[in-house]
Amino acid sequence: METAATCRLWWTSTRCLPPTGSCPPGSVGVTAPGSTAPCSASWTGFYFIPGALSTEEQCYWIRESLKTFPQPPNRTNLTAIYGSISDLLTAAKNQKILVEVENSDVEEKEQNKGDGKTEAKNFKFVEDSEIQKGEECRTTRAITLMRKLRWSTLGLQFDWSKRNYDVSLPHKKIPDALASLAKNMAIPAMPFGEEFKPEAAIVNYYGPSDMLGGHVDDMEADWTKPIVSISLGCKCIFLLGGKTRDEVPTAMFLRSGDIVLMAGEARECFHGVPRIFTESNQQEISALVSQLSGEDDCFILHYVKNSRININIRQVY
């Protein structure tokens, strides 16, 4: 079976249970906050809330993930290469091009980092017609950058090179609407009498051939607090393993609008995404397609037909 083969290649284990539409064995039923959909939770602290978000809510968070969340001071995988990029989605819609330009002397002085090094270049979006013929400059189309976007970080900024949260980096607090959603959804997984405090979020953007290897989210201080994980766009296979890579992972489907909580023992389990589904049959996201059919959402609709977005919100301390 193709999915089993994919799992074997991705996971170090030679076995993989086939994907299902529900939680791993041993789960019990609870009620999803603000939803009539069933919700399952395993004794290990893994909670699956199918259909937690309405179509309208899904569209809202897809738009926010593409338009607002990559905005500075939030960092993305593009930041290290191009510095702070503003209005990427708008530039992509308008078919603009990112060009490298030299700073003025004043700008160079302002960008001096205090370590003797000065950035002599920066980037800006321009129209195609603004680029002089024969001019040599580094250029990248905004639509290409949009497809290269793989992650953005909200709230406290995560330093991927050091694998820790860098509180010294400029940041804004988690948007109120996202914080409120995370608090409500986290209730079943929270220790009695405590409230979830959203302090950081990582937004992952998956293209047709992207995957997320088996890993453990272990950089937060208190693992009794859940990670709240929101799925948007195309369906994926989610693998939940054990505390070592030798344990056989269980596969399940995550669809747009589903939410997963991982707390307690589940935080110690390897997990990942070996593939997403972008087949021409878009029945499972037909409601999204209909909702995003307006002229203003044309670019977003094209994007979401071939992509998956995952927003995972964390309490850091």
Protein backbone atom coordinates (compact mmCIF):
# COMPACT_ATOMS: atom_id res chain seq x y z
CA MET A 1 0.00 0.00 0.00
CA GLU A 2 1.41 3.41 -0.95
CA THR A 3 0.83 5.04 2.43
CA ALA A 4 2.52 2.22 4.29
CA ALA A 5 5.52 2.43 1.97
CA THR A 6 5.71 6.17 2.56
CA CYS A 7 5.68 5.60 6.31
CA ARG A 8 8.48 3.04 6.10
CA LEU A 9 10.71 5.41 4.16
CA TRP A 10 10.04 8.28 6.52
CA TRP A 11 10.16 6.50 9.89
CA THR A 12 13.10 4.44 11.04
CA SER A 13 10.72 1.65 11.96
CA THR A 14 10.03 -0.94 9.26
CA ARG A 15 6.34 -1.09 10.13
CA CYS A 16 3.49 1.38 10.07
CA LEU A 17 -0.15 0.87 10.95
CA PRO A 18 -2.57 1.99 8.20
CA PRO A 19 -4.15 5.43 8.54
CA THR A 20 -7.51 5.77 10.22
CA GLY A 21 -9.89 8.64 10.83
CA SER A 22 -9.75 8.43 14.61
CA CYS A 23 -7.40 8.34 17.58
CA PRO A 24 -4.95 5.56 18.36
CA PRO A 25 -6.34 2.56 20.30
CA GLY A 26 -7.21 3.18 23.95
CA SER A 27 -8.99 6.49 23.41
CA VAL A 28 -12.15 7.62 25.17
CA GLY A 29 -14.86 10.07 24.11
CA VAL A 30 -15.09 13.62 25.46
CA THR A 31 -16.83 16.77 24.18
CA ALA A 32 -15.01 19.33 22.08
CA PRO A 33 -15.39 22.88 23.48
CA GLY A 34 -17.87 24.88 21.43
CA SER A 35 -18.46 21.99 19.03
CA THR A 36 -20.97 19.17 18.62
CA ALA A 37 -18.36 17.04 16.87
CA PRO A 38 -17.00 14.05 18.79
CA CYS A 39 -13.58 14.37 20.34
CA SER A 40 -11.29 11.58 21.43
CA ALA A 41 -8.47 11.52 23.92
CA SER A 42 -6.02 8.78 24.79
CA TRP A 43 -4.74 8.20 28.30
CA THR A 44 -1.30 9.31 27.11
CA GLY A 45 -2.51 12.89 26.67
CA PHE A 46 -3.26 12.78 22.94
CA TYR A 47 -6.54 14.47 22.02
CA PHE A 48 -8.15 14.50 18.59
CA ILE A 49 -10.95 16.98 17.86
CA PRO A 50 -12.32 16.41 14.35
CA GLY A 51 -14.15 19.25 12.61
CA ALA A 52 -13.39 21.67 15.44
CA LEU A 53 -13.45 24.72 13.15
CA SER A 54 -16.28 25.82 10.85
CA THR A 55 -15.56 26.52 7.19
CA GLU A 56 -15.68 30.26 7.89
CA GLU A 57 -13.17 29.89 10.73
CA GLN A 58 -10.86 27.79 8.57
CA CYS A 59 -10.89 30.45 5.83
CA TYR A 60 -10.15 33.17 8.36
CA TRP A 61 -7.10 31.36 9.73
CA ILE A 62 -5.86 30.45 6.24
CA ARG A 63 -5.96 34.13 5.28
CA GLU A 64 -4.23 35.13 8.51
CA SER A 65 -1.54 32.47 8.04
CA LEU A 66 -0.69 33.77 4.58
CA LYS A 67 -1.22 37.50 5.01
CA THR A 68 -0.58 38.44 8.65
CA PHE A 69 1.53 35.77 10.33
CA PRO A 70 4.61 36.12 8.05
CA GLN A 71 4.71 39.89 8.71
CA PRO A 72 7.69 41.34 10.67
CA PRO A 73 8.66 41.24 13.47
CA ASN A 74 7.59 37.61 13.07
CA ARG A 75 10.41 35.60 11.54
CA THR A 76 10.14 33.08 8.71
CA ASN A 77 12.51 30.68 6.96
CA LEU A 78 13.04 33.50 4.42
CA THR A 79 14.28 36.00 7.03
CA ALA A 80 17.84 34.67 7.19
CA ILE A 81 18.24 35.13 3.43
CA TYR A 82 16.26 38.27 2.66
CA GLY A 83 15.85 40.01 6.01
CA SER A 84 12.43 41.33 7.01
CA ILE A 85 9.93 41.03 4.17
CA SER A 86 6.62 42.89 4.46
CA ASP A 87 3.41 42.21 2.53
CA LEU A 88 4.60 39.04 0.80
CA LEU A 89 1.07 37.86 -0.02
CA THR A 90 0.10 41.20 -1.56
CA ALA A 91 3.31 41.24 -3.61
CA ALA A 92 2.65 37.71 -4.84
CA LYS A 93 -0.92 38.61 -5.83
CA ASN A 94 0.37 41.60 -7.79
CA GLN A 95 3.16 39.56 -9.43
CA LYS A 96 5.89 41.76 -7.99
CA ILE A 97 9.58 40.94 -7.88
CA LEU A 98 11.92 41.13 -4.89
CA VAL A 99 15.15 42.89 -5.82
CA GLU A 100 18.34 43.44 -3.87
CA VAL A 101 19.29 47.10 -3.59
CA GLU A 102 22.10 49.00 -1.97
CA ASN A 103 21.34 51.03 1.15
CA SER A 104 22.07 54.70 1.47
CA ASP A 105 24.84 55.74 3.87
CA VAL A 106 22.21 56.71 6.45
CA GLU A 107 20.51 53.33 6.20
CA GLU A 108 23.84 51.56 6.52
CA LYS A 109 24.62 53.40 9.73
CA GLU A 110 21.18 52.60 11.13
CA GLN A 111 21.63 48.91 10.35
CA ASN A 112 25.02 48.66 12.07
CA LYS A 113 24.56 45.89 14.60
CA GLY A 114 27.24 47.06 16.99
CA ASP A 115 29.55 44.18 16.15
CA GLY A 116 31.48 46.03 13.46
CA LYS A 117 29.40 44.51 10.68
CA THR A 118 27.06 46.54 8.49
CA GLU A 119 24.46 45.21 6.09
CA ALA A 120 25.13 46.98 2.78
CA LYS A 121 22.19 45.41 0.96
CA ASN A 122 18.49 45.06 1.48
CA PHE A 123 15.50 43.92 -0.56
CA LYS A 124 12.29 45.50 -1.76
CA PHE A 125 9.36 44.55 -3.99
CA VAL A 126 9.07 46.29 -7.35
CA GLU A 127 7.04 46.00 -10.52
CA ASP A 128 8.57 44.08 -13.39
CA SER A 129 8.66 47.31 -15.41
CA GLU A 130 10.84 49.00 -12.77
CA ILE A 131 13.78 46.68 -13.43
CA GLN A 132 16.11 48.21 -15.98
CA LYS A 133 17.05 46.01 -18.92
CA GLY A 134 20.62 44.82 -18.64
CA GLU A 135 20.74 45.76 -14.96
CA GLU A 136 22.46 43.12 -12.87
CA CYS A 137 20.72 42.59 -9.54
CA ARG A 138 19.51 39.69 -7.48
CA THR A 139 15.80 39.14 -8.15
CA THR A 140 13.17 36.65 -7.02
CA ARG A 141 9.51 36.64 -7.91
CA ALA A 142 7.18 37.10 -4.95
CA ILE A 143 5.08 34.13 -6.04
CA THR A 144 8.23 31.97 -5.89
CA LEU A 145 8.95 33.18 -2.36
CA MET A 146 5.37 32.40 -1.39
CA ARG A 147 5.95 28.81 -2.46
CA LYS A 148 9.25 28.72 -0.54
CA LEU A 149 7.58 29.85 2.69
CA ARG A 150 7.90 26.93 5.10
CA TRP A 151 7.41 28.40 8.57
CA SER A 152 6.69 31.56 10.51
CA THR A 153 6.89 32.15 14.25
CA LEU A 154 4.44 34.14 16.38
CA GLY A 155 4.85 35.45 19.91
CA LEU A 156 8.16 34.45 21.46
CA GLN A 157 10.49 33.73 18.56
CA PHE A 158 11.97 30.27 18.18
CA ASP A 159 15.63 30.10 17.14
CA TRP A 160 15.89 27.03 14.91
CA SER A 161 19.70 27.06 14.86
CA LYS A 162 19.93 26.90 18.67
CA ARG A 163 16.60 25.09 19.21
CA ASN A 164 15.41 27.46 21.90
CA TYR A 165 13.22 30.53 22.38
CA ASP A 166 15.17 33.77 22.03
CA VAL A 167 13.39 36.32 24.23
CA SER A 168 15.77 39.04 23.00
CA LEU A 169 14.30 38.97 19.47
CA PRO A 170 11.60 41.55 18.68
CA HIS A 171 8.14 40.04 18.83
CA LYS A 172 4.46 40.71 19.35
CA LYS A 173 2.16 38.73 21.59
CA ILE A 174 0.00 36.00 20.10
CA PRO A 175 -3.03 37.60 18.37
CA ASP A 176 -5.98 37.76 20.76
CA ALA A 177 -8.30 35.74 18.53
CA LEU A 178 -5.76 32.92 18.17
CA ALA A 179 -5.00 32.99 21.90
CA SER A 180 -8.71 32.73 22.72
CA LEU A 181 -9.19 29.80 20.34
CA ALA A 182 -6.17 27.98 21.78
CA LYS A 183 -7.34 28.52 25.37
CA ASN A 184 -10.79 27.09 24.62
CA MET A 185 -9.50 24.10 22.71
CA ALA A 186 -6.81 23.32 25.29
CA ILE A 187 -9.31 22.86 28.14
CA PRO A 188 -9.64 19.02 27.90
CA ALA A 189 -5.85 18.59 28.13
CA MET A 190 -5.12 21.11 30.88
CA PRO A 191 -4.38 20.21 34.52
CA PHE A 192 -7.45 20.84 36.68
CA GLY A 193 -7.97 24.48 37.59
CA GLU A 194 -5.28 25.85 35.24
CA GLU A 195 -5.67 27.97 32.11
CA PHE A 196 -3.56 27.59 28.99
CA LYS A 197 -1.26 30.59 28.34
CA PRO A 198 -0.44 30.94 24.62
CA GLU A 199 3.05 32.42 24.41
CA ALA A 200 4.38 31.21 21.06
CA ALA A 201 3.21 29.60 17.86
CA ILE A 202 4.90 28.00 14.88
CA VAL A 203 3.05 28.02 11.56
CA ASN A 204 4.17 25.29 9.15
CA TYR A 205 3.45 25.56 5.42
CA TYR A 206 3.47 22.30 3.42
CA GLY A 207 3.77 22.10 -0.35
CA PRO A 208 2.82 19.02 -2.40
CA SER A 209 6.06 17.10 -1.73
CA ASP A 210 6.83 18.39 1.78
CA MET A 211 6.97 16.28 4.90
CA LEU A 212 7.82 16.75 8.57
CA GLY A 213 10.18 14.10 9.92
CA GLY A 214 9.68 12.26 13.19
CA HIS A 215 10.48 14.54 16.13
CA VAL A 216 9.61 15.43 19.71
CA ASP A 217 8.57 18.96 20.75
CA ASP A 218 10.70 19.30 23.86
CA MET A 219 11.73 22.96 24.15
CA GLU A 220 8.87 24.15 26.39
CA ALA A 221 9.35 24.15 30.17
CA ASP A 222 6.18 22.32 31.28
CA TRP A 223 5.08 19.32 29.25
CA THR A 224 1.85 18.97 31.20
CA LYS A 225 0.64 21.93 29.11
CA PRO A 226 -0.58 20.91 25.65
CA ILE A 227 0.51 21.89 22.19
CA VAL A 228 -2.64 23.01 20.34
CA SER A 229 -2.27 21.99 16.68
CA ILE A 230 -4.67 23.28 14.00
CA SER A 231 -4.88 21.69 10.53
CA LEU A 232 -5.91 23.79 7.50
CA GLY A 233 -6.10 23.05 3.78
CA CYS A 234 -5.20 19.70 2.27
CA LYS A 235 -5.49 16.45 4.19
CA CYS A 236 -2.37 14.81 5.59
CA ILE A 237 -1.21 11.60 7.20
CA PHE A 238 -0.16 12.17 10.81
CA LEU A 239 2.05 9.57 12.48
CA LEU A 240 2.10 9.18 16.25
CA GLY A 241 4.81 6.90 17.57
CA GLY A 242 6.30 6.17 20.97
CA LYS A 243 9.17 7.43 23.08
CA THR A 244 11.74 5.88 20.74
CA ARG A 245 11.93 5.66 16.97
CA ASP A 246 11.79 1.87 17.25
CA GLU A 247 8.14 1.87 18.28
CA VAL A 248 5.61 1.36 15.51
CA PRO A 249 3.79 4.62 14.69
CA THR A 250 0.04 4.77 14.29
CA ALA A 251 -1.17 6.65 11.21
CA MET A 252 -4.26 8.80 11.08
CA PHE A 253 -5.72 11.37 8.71
CA LEU A 254 -5.88 15.03 9.69
CA ARG A 255 -8.27 17.16 7.66
CA SER A 256 -8.88 20.87 7.43
CA GLY A 257 -10.54 22.10 10.62
CA ASP A 258 -9.27 19.25 12.81
CA ILE A 259 -7.40 20.06 16.01
CA VAL A 260 -4.95 17.87 17.92
CA LEU A 261 -3.77 18.38 21.51
CA MET A 262 -0.60 16.78 22.84
CA ALA A 263 0.11 16.95 26.56
CA GLY A 264 1.76 14.89 29.28
CA GLU A 265 3.13 11.57 28.02
CA ALA A 266 2.10 12.39 24.46
CA ARG A 267 4.65 15.22 24.48
CA GLU A 268 7.37 12.56 24.74
CA CYS A 269 6.18 10.68 21.64
CA PHE A 270 7.78 10.97 18.23
CA HIS A 271 5.35 12.29 15.64
CA GLY A 272 5.38 13.75 12.16
CA VAL A 273 3.74 14.18 8.75
CA PRO A 274 5.04 11.93 5.94
CA ARG A 275 2.79 13.33 3.21
CA ILE A 276 -0.10 15.58 2.29
CA PHE A 277 -2.78 14.86 -0.32
CA THR A 278 -3.19 17.28 -3.21
CA GLU A 279 -4.95 15.02 -5.70
CA SER A 280 -7.22 16.60 -8.29
CA ASN A 281 -10.21 15.32 -6.32
CA GLN A 282 -10.81 18.20 -3.91
CA GLN A 283 -14.08 16.92 -2.40
CA GLU A 284 -12.75 17.10 1.15
CA ILE A 285 -12.00 20.81 0.83
CA SER A 286 -14.95 21.63 -1.43
CA ALA A 287 -16.45 23.86 1.27
CA LEU A 288 -13.19 25.83 1.43
CA VAL A 289 -13.08 26.10 -2.36
CA SER A 290 -16.60 27.49 -2.38
CA GLN A 291 -15.89 29.94 0.44
CA LEU A 292 -12.68 31.20 -1.21
CA SER A 293 -14.15 31.58 -4.69
CA GLY A 294 -14.32 35.38 -4.56
CA GLU A 295 -11.99 37.53 -6.65
CA ASP A 296 -10.05 38.77 -3.60
CA ASP A 297 -9.27 35.19 -2.56
CA CYS A 298 -8.26 33.88 -5.99
CA PHE A 299 -4.57 33.57 -5.11
CA ILE A 300 -5.33 32.02 -1.70
CA LEU A 301 -7.67 29.50 -3.31
CA HIS A 302 -4.97 28.39 -5.75
CA TYR A 303 -2.52 28.10 -2.86
CA VAL A 304 -4.76 26.08 -0.56
CA LYS A 305 -5.67 23.56 -3.27
CA ASN A 306 -2.06 22.36 -3.19
CA SER A 307 -0.97 23.10 0.36
CA ARG A 308 -1.47 22.35 4.02
CA ILE A 309 -1.06 24.85 6.86
CA ASN A 310 -0.51 23.82 10.45
CA ILE A 311 -0.68 26.30 13.33
CA ASN A 312 0.66 24.93 16.62
CA ILE A 313 0.36 27.08 19.71
CA ARG A 314 2.49 26.56 22.82
CA GLN A 315 2.85 27.68 26.41
CA VAL A 316 6.59 28.23 26.73
CA TYR A 317 6.99 28.77 30.49
